[in-house]
Structures are given as structure tokens and as C-alpha cells.
Protein backbone atom coordinates (compact mmCIF):
# COMPACT_ATOMS: atom_id res chain seq x y z
CA MET A 1 139.39 66.85 112.81
CA SER A 2 137.82 63.58 113.95
CA GLN A 3 135.17 63.49 116.66
CA ALA A 4 137.64 61.75 119.00
CA ALA A 5 140.29 64.41 118.40
CA SER A 6 137.69 67.14 118.83
CA ALA A 7 136.46 65.60 122.10
CA ALA A 8 140.06 65.32 123.32
CA THR A 9 140.65 68.99 122.45
CA VAL A 10 137.53 70.06 124.35
CA GLU A 11 138.50 67.92 127.34
CA ALA A 12 141.98 69.48 127.35
CA GLN A 13 140.45 72.97 127.14
CA GLN A 14 138.12 72.17 130.03
CA GLU A 15 140.95 70.83 132.21
CA ALA A 16 143.10 73.90 131.48
CA PHE A 17 140.13 76.16 132.26
CA VAL A 18 139.53 74.48 135.63
CA ALA A 19 143.23 74.92 136.47
CA LEU A 20 143.02 78.65 135.66
CA ILE A 21 139.91 79.08 137.81
CA ALA A 22 141.51 77.11 140.67
CA ARG A 23 144.27 79.76 140.83
CA VAL A 24 141.58 82.32 141.67
CA THR A 25 139.40 80.20 143.93
CA GLY A 26 142.46 78.93 145.80
CA LYS A 27 143.25 82.52 146.82
CA ILE A 28 139.70 83.33 147.93
CA GLN A 29 138.55 80.09 149.54
CA GLY A 30 137.26 80.77 153.03
CA MET A 31 137.12 84.54 152.52
CA PRO A 32 133.79 86.28 153.10
CA VAL A 33 131.92 86.96 149.87
CA GLU A 34 131.43 90.69 150.32
CA LYS A 35 132.13 93.89 148.41
CA LYS A 36 135.71 94.25 149.70
CA LEU A 37 136.54 90.89 148.11
CA ALA A 38 136.33 92.72 144.77
CA ASP A 39 139.21 94.96 145.90
CA PHE A 40 141.26 91.88 146.77
CA LEU A 41 140.52 90.24 143.40
CA ASN A 42 141.25 93.43 141.46
CA ALA A 43 144.63 93.62 143.25
CA GLN A 44 145.53 89.91 142.99
CA PHE A 45 144.08 89.31 139.50
CA PRO A 46 144.00 92.73 137.84
CA ALA A 47 142.13 93.20 134.58
CA ASP A 48 145.41 93.89 132.76
CA GLY A 49 147.23 90.98 134.41
CA LYS A 50 148.28 87.66 132.91
CA ASP A 51 145.81 85.51 134.88
CA PHE A 52 142.81 87.67 133.97
CA LYS A 53 143.89 87.73 130.31
CA ALA A 54 144.45 83.95 130.32
CA ILE A 55 140.98 83.30 131.73
CA GLN A 56 139.42 85.62 129.17
CA ALA A 57 141.34 83.96 126.32
CA ALA A 58 140.22 80.53 127.58
CA CYS A 59 136.59 81.73 127.71
CA GLU A 60 136.75 83.16 124.20
CA ALA A 61 138.31 79.93 122.86
CA ALA A 62 135.67 77.82 124.63
CA VAL A 63 132.81 79.93 123.24
CA ALA A 64 134.33 79.56 119.76
CA ALA A 65 134.66 75.79 120.30
CA GLY A 66 130.99 75.63 121.28
CA TRP A 67 131.21 74.18 124.78
CA MET A 68 130.83 77.45 126.69
CA CYS A 69 127.75 79.71 126.43
CA ASN A 70 126.08 76.97 124.41
CA ARG A 71 122.52 77.82 125.47
CA GLU A 72 120.55 80.90 124.56
CA ALA A 73 117.44 82.64 125.85
CA GLY A 74 116.28 86.19 125.31
CA GLY A 75 119.44 87.09 123.38
CA ILE A 76 121.69 85.95 126.24
CA LYS A 77 124.10 83.07 125.73
CA TYR A 78 124.90 81.19 128.91
CA GLY A 79 125.85 77.94 130.57
CA ARG A 80 127.15 76.34 133.74
CA VAL A 81 130.72 75.45 132.84
CA VAL A 82 131.82 73.76 136.06
CA LYS A 83 129.62 72.40 138.84
CA PRO A 84 130.73 73.00 142.43
CA THR A 85 133.75 70.81 142.99
CA PRO A 86 136.72 70.53 145.35
CA ALA A 87 138.98 71.21 142.33
CA ILE A 88 137.74 74.82 142.43
CA HIS A 89 137.17 75.00 146.17
CA GLY A 90 133.41 74.45 146.18
CA PHE A 91 132.53 77.15 143.67
CA SER A 92 130.61 76.66 140.46
CA VAL A 93 131.39 78.56 137.27
CA ASP A 94 128.77 80.00 134.93
CA VAL A 95 129.66 82.11 131.92
CA VAL A 96 127.23 84.45 130.17
CA GLU A 97 127.57 86.53 127.01
CA MET A 98 125.37 89.62 126.92
CA ALA A 99 125.25 92.56 124.53
CA ASP A 100 123.76 96.03 124.70
CA ARG A 101 122.17 96.34 121.25
CA ASP A 102 119.59 99.12 121.67
CA GLY A 103 120.10 100.12 125.28
CA PRO A 104 121.09 98.15 128.38
CA HIS A 105 120.28 94.45 128.20
CA GLN A 106 118.88 92.82 131.34
CA GLY A 107 119.06 89.20 132.29
CA PRO A 108 116.63 87.33 134.54
CA HIS A 109 116.28 88.52 138.12
CA HIS A 110 117.96 86.23 140.60
CA ARG A 111 119.12 86.00 144.20
CA HIS A 112 122.54 84.97 145.49
CA PRO A 113 121.99 83.00 148.73
CA GLN A 114 125.76 82.82 149.38
CA GLY A 115 126.91 85.71 147.18
CA GLU A 116 128.20 86.04 143.64
CA ILE A 117 131.67 86.88 142.32
CA ASP A 118 131.70 88.35 138.81
CA MET A 119 134.60 88.63 136.38
CA ILE A 120 133.69 91.19 133.72
CA MET A 121 135.34 90.75 130.32
CA PRO A 122 134.28 93.35 127.72
CA LEU A 123 134.43 92.11 124.13
CA GLU A 124 133.10 95.16 122.26
CA GLY A 125 132.75 98.83 123.10
CA ASP A 126 132.96 100.06 126.68
CA ALA A 127 130.83 97.22 127.98
CA ARG A 128 129.91 97.41 131.64
CA PHE A 129 128.19 94.86 133.82
CA ASP A 130 125.84 96.42 136.37
CA GLY A 131 127.75 99.66 135.78
CA THR A 132 131.16 98.07 136.48
CA PRO A 133 133.89 98.06 133.79
CA ARG A 134 136.43 95.30 133.10
CA GLY A 135 137.48 93.67 136.35
CA TRP A 136 135.78 92.13 139.38
CA LEU A 137 132.44 92.80 141.07
CA VAL A 138 131.15 91.02 144.18
CA TYR A 139 127.63 90.73 145.53
CA GLY A 140 127.25 89.56 149.13
CA PRO A 141 124.97 86.82 150.47
CA ASP A 142 121.22 87.36 150.04
CA SER A 143 121.74 90.03 147.35
CA ALA A 144 119.64 90.03 144.20
CA HIS A 145 119.63 91.82 140.83
CA HIS A 146 118.73 91.89 137.16
CA PRO A 147 122.18 91.41 135.58
CA THR A 148 122.62 94.23 133.06
CA VAL A 149 125.16 94.89 130.32
CA SER A 150 125.45 98.37 128.85
CA GLY A 151 127.83 100.01 126.39
CA GLY A 152 128.76 96.98 124.31
CA ARG A 153 129.17 93.21 124.51
CA ALA A 154 130.77 91.26 127.35
CA LEU A 155 131.43 87.87 128.81
CA ILE A 156 130.69 87.62 132.52
CA LEU A 157 132.08 84.74 134.54
CA TYR A 158 130.14 84.01 137.73
CA LEU A 159 131.69 82.18 140.66
CA LEU A 160 128.91 80.96 142.95
CA PRO A 161 129.73 79.41 146.34
CA GLN A 162 128.31 75.87 146.23
CA GLY A 163 126.58 76.82 142.96
CA ALA A 164 123.80 78.57 144.90
CA ILE A 165 121.50 80.77 142.82
CA GLU A 166 117.74 81.29 142.91
CA PHE A 167 115.91 82.67 139.90
CA THR A 168 112.90 84.76 140.87
CA LYS A 169 109.70 85.48 138.97
């Protein structure tokens, strides 16, 4: 495949990905980012539903194509996939791949000034993110944690209102 064709394929994948994410963010725009939002997301976009599966398939294809999770530090692959934009209602999208190789794997401690919405997509084993299985997890504003994967390997998609995140030392 030529570089131009490859670039066109990546651009098409990125546009399709943004459209999938916009389906989710369109439903949650303006809603408080709090724990009960996870219940709403798990009902509207269940882990065994077509939208959840389509987003996971798009993430897996993008990782394979090399434009998602294209950075690595400490055994964690990561990357900001979409900056905050009106197309996805002011959220940013980050995707991380983490694996539990010899016990739970922790990522860098960080704070969520406006909250964090996590889509947990196990790839191997019974992977859990911060103890939560496949599905949605929400942290409210001013929460903080060491993101942790246990029991396997997973992709975690983070929706951050206005892209707000603060890494701590």
C-alpha cells in the first residue's frame, strides 16, 4: 500500500472513530461526571452491545495500524487520540493498553479536575481496571488514582471533559 493510500486509510479510521465516540458523548454531554453516570453508560452502551463492540473493534484496528497507543513508557502503551473538540462535545479521548504480567500493573498517579469516564475493554484473561470488569467506570471531579490493571491485558479509553488531567509526582 502506498503512503498516500495508507494515510487515507488512517484518516478514514480516525473519522469513523470520532463518529463512534460522538454517539457516546452526545448522550452524556451536560450530564454531571459522577459515579451514577457509569450506570447510565452501562445501560445505554452495554459491554455486550453493538456500540461498545464497535468502539473496541475500532480501537483494536487503530492499535494494529499504529496510530493509537503509539507511545510507550513503563510497559504502558498510550496516546491522546482526539483533543477536546465540539465534534465530541468538548471531551478528549486517550487510549491506554496495560497488562498485568506479574501482578497488578499501575500507571502514573494523576488527578481528574473535571472527572474521568473510563471504557474498559479486556483483551486477555479477566482483565479489570481499578477492580472493574468490562464496561464503564466513572471518577468524579477532583478524584485521583494510580490506574491499575489486574488479571490480564486491557485497553482503557478515557473521556476527559475539556481534556483536563494533572499528573502528580
